[in-house]
Protein backbone atom coordinates (compact mmCIF):
# COMPACT_ATOMS: atom_id res chain seq x y z
CA MET A 1 -157.06 40.79 -40.51
CA PRO A 2 -153.85 39.41 -41.90
CA ARG A 3 -154.10 38.32 -45.56
CA GLN A 4 -152.88 34.68 -44.84
CA LEU A 5 -155.83 34.16 -42.44
CA LEU A 6 -158.37 35.10 -45.06
CA SER A 7 -157.21 32.22 -47.14
CA MET A 8 -157.67 29.69 -44.30
CA GLY A 9 -161.43 30.12 -44.16
CA ARG A 10 -164.20 29.90 -46.72
CA ARG A 11 -167.28 31.93 -47.36
CA MET A 12 -170.30 30.55 -45.63
CA ASN A 13 -173.89 30.78 -46.67
CA ILE A 14 -176.35 30.48 -43.80
CA LYS A 15 -178.64 28.55 -46.10
CA ASP A 16 -176.11 25.74 -46.10
CA LEU A 17 -176.34 25.19 -42.32
CA GLU A 18 -178.56 22.52 -40.91
CA ILE A 19 -181.69 23.86 -39.20
CA ILE A 20 -182.09 22.14 -35.89
CA LYS A 21 -185.38 23.78 -34.96
CA SER A 22 -187.61 26.36 -36.50
CA ASP A 23 -190.78 27.61 -34.90
CA GLU A 24 -192.74 30.77 -34.11
CA ARG A 25 -189.86 31.97 -31.98
CA GLY A 26 -187.23 31.87 -34.66
CA ILE A 27 -184.62 29.51 -36.09
CA MET A 28 -181.73 27.45 -34.57
CA TYR A 29 -178.85 26.46 -36.79
CA ASN A 30 -176.24 23.76 -36.10
CA CYS A 31 -172.70 25.18 -36.24
CA ASP A 32 -170.74 22.06 -35.31
CA LYS A 33 -170.25 22.29 -31.54
CA VAL A 34 -172.31 25.51 -31.10
CA LYS A 35 -175.76 26.63 -32.18
CA PHE A 36 -176.62 29.95 -33.76
CA LEU A 37 -180.06 31.23 -32.98
CA PHE A 38 -182.31 33.98 -34.26
CA ARG A 39 -185.16 34.82 -31.81
CA LYS A 40 -187.99 37.21 -32.48
CA LYS A 41 -188.98 40.00 -30.15
CA ALA A 42 -191.05 38.92 -27.11
CA THR A 43 -190.14 35.21 -27.46
CA ILE A 44 -188.53 33.06 -24.75
CA ASN A 45 -185.32 31.13 -25.12
CA ALA A 46 -185.07 28.52 -22.42
CA ASN A 47 -187.07 28.48 -19.17
CA ARG A 48 -185.28 25.55 -17.57
CA SER A 49 -182.10 24.12 -16.11
CA HIS A 50 -179.80 21.40 -17.35
CA GLU A 51 -176.68 19.46 -16.22
CA ASP A 52 -174.33 21.23 -18.68
CA LEU A 53 -172.53 24.48 -18.29
CA GLU A 54 -174.02 26.79 -20.97
CA VAL A 55 -172.33 29.82 -22.45
CA LEU A 56 -174.47 32.29 -24.49
CA TYR A 57 -172.99 34.99 -26.67
CA LEU A 58 -175.66 37.65 -27.34
CA VAL A 59 -174.32 39.17 -30.54
CA LYS A 60 -177.27 41.32 -31.56
CA GLY A 61 -180.22 42.86 -29.71
CA GLU A 62 -181.43 43.20 -26.14
CA ALA A 63 -182.95 40.65 -23.78
CA LYS A 64 -184.19 40.17 -20.18
CA LEU A 65 -182.06 37.50 -18.59
CA THR A 66 -182.95 35.52 -15.50
CA ILE A 67 -180.41 33.24 -13.86
CA GLY A 68 -181.61 31.67 -10.62
CA ASP A 69 -183.46 34.44 -8.73
CA LYS A 70 -181.64 37.33 -10.42
CA THR A 71 -183.03 39.21 -13.46
CA LYS A 72 -181.40 42.01 -15.49
CA THR A 73 -181.53 43.48 -19.03
CA VAL A 74 -178.58 42.70 -21.17
CA LYS A 75 -177.48 44.22 -24.45
CA ALA A 76 -175.25 42.81 -27.19
CA PRO A 77 -172.41 42.19 -27.36
CA ILE A 78 -172.23 40.16 -24.08
CA LYS A 79 -170.99 36.75 -22.97
CA ILE A 80 -173.36 35.00 -20.52
CA GLU A 81 -172.26 32.00 -18.46
CA ILE A 82 -175.00 29.83 -16.96
CA PRO A 83 -173.88 27.39 -14.26
CA ARG A 84 -174.97 23.76 -14.33
CA ASN A 85 -178.28 22.89 -12.81
CA THR A 86 -179.34 26.57 -12.60
CA CYS A 87 -182.77 27.65 -13.90
CA HIS A 88 -182.45 30.32 -16.48
CA LYS A 89 -184.67 32.23 -18.96
CA LEU A 90 -183.91 34.69 -21.73
CA VAL A 91 -186.80 36.93 -23.11
CA ALA A 92 -186.04 38.81 -26.33
CA LEU A 93 -186.78 42.50 -25.88
CA THR A 94 -185.85 43.08 -29.58
CA ASP A 95 -185.08 40.57 -32.32
CA ILE A 96 -181.93 38.90 -31.11
CA GLU A 97 -179.04 36.78 -32.41
CA LEU A 98 -177.13 34.52 -30.08
CA ILE A 99 -174.59 31.68 -30.10
CA GLU A 100 -175.22 28.83 -27.64
CA ASP A 101 -172.35 26.67 -26.45
CA ARG A 102 -173.43 23.86 -24.12
CA LYS A 103 -170.33 22.42 -22.41
CA GLY A 104 -170.75 18.69 -22.07
CA GLU A 105 -173.31 18.14 -24.83
């Protein structure tokens, strides 16, 4: 990375981020317009549809993804686009880390 770009950012401590939700599945952090999630193995992230386009970035781990009536196993790193009003579910096959970007939130 070019040296000048390093000076544009600042070190981040995840402990400084607002926790949106924390439960037995894991933790969801607020990262301005996106959310950063840790999910534990065998937990479910989403099992619903919504009016917004959703983009997930699986950055660590492996999950079983269902969009509509199609299911497949996905491994990080991968970008997943979920159309508006489409039922979807993500089951963590390992501990996972993902970024959630809901377009229109």
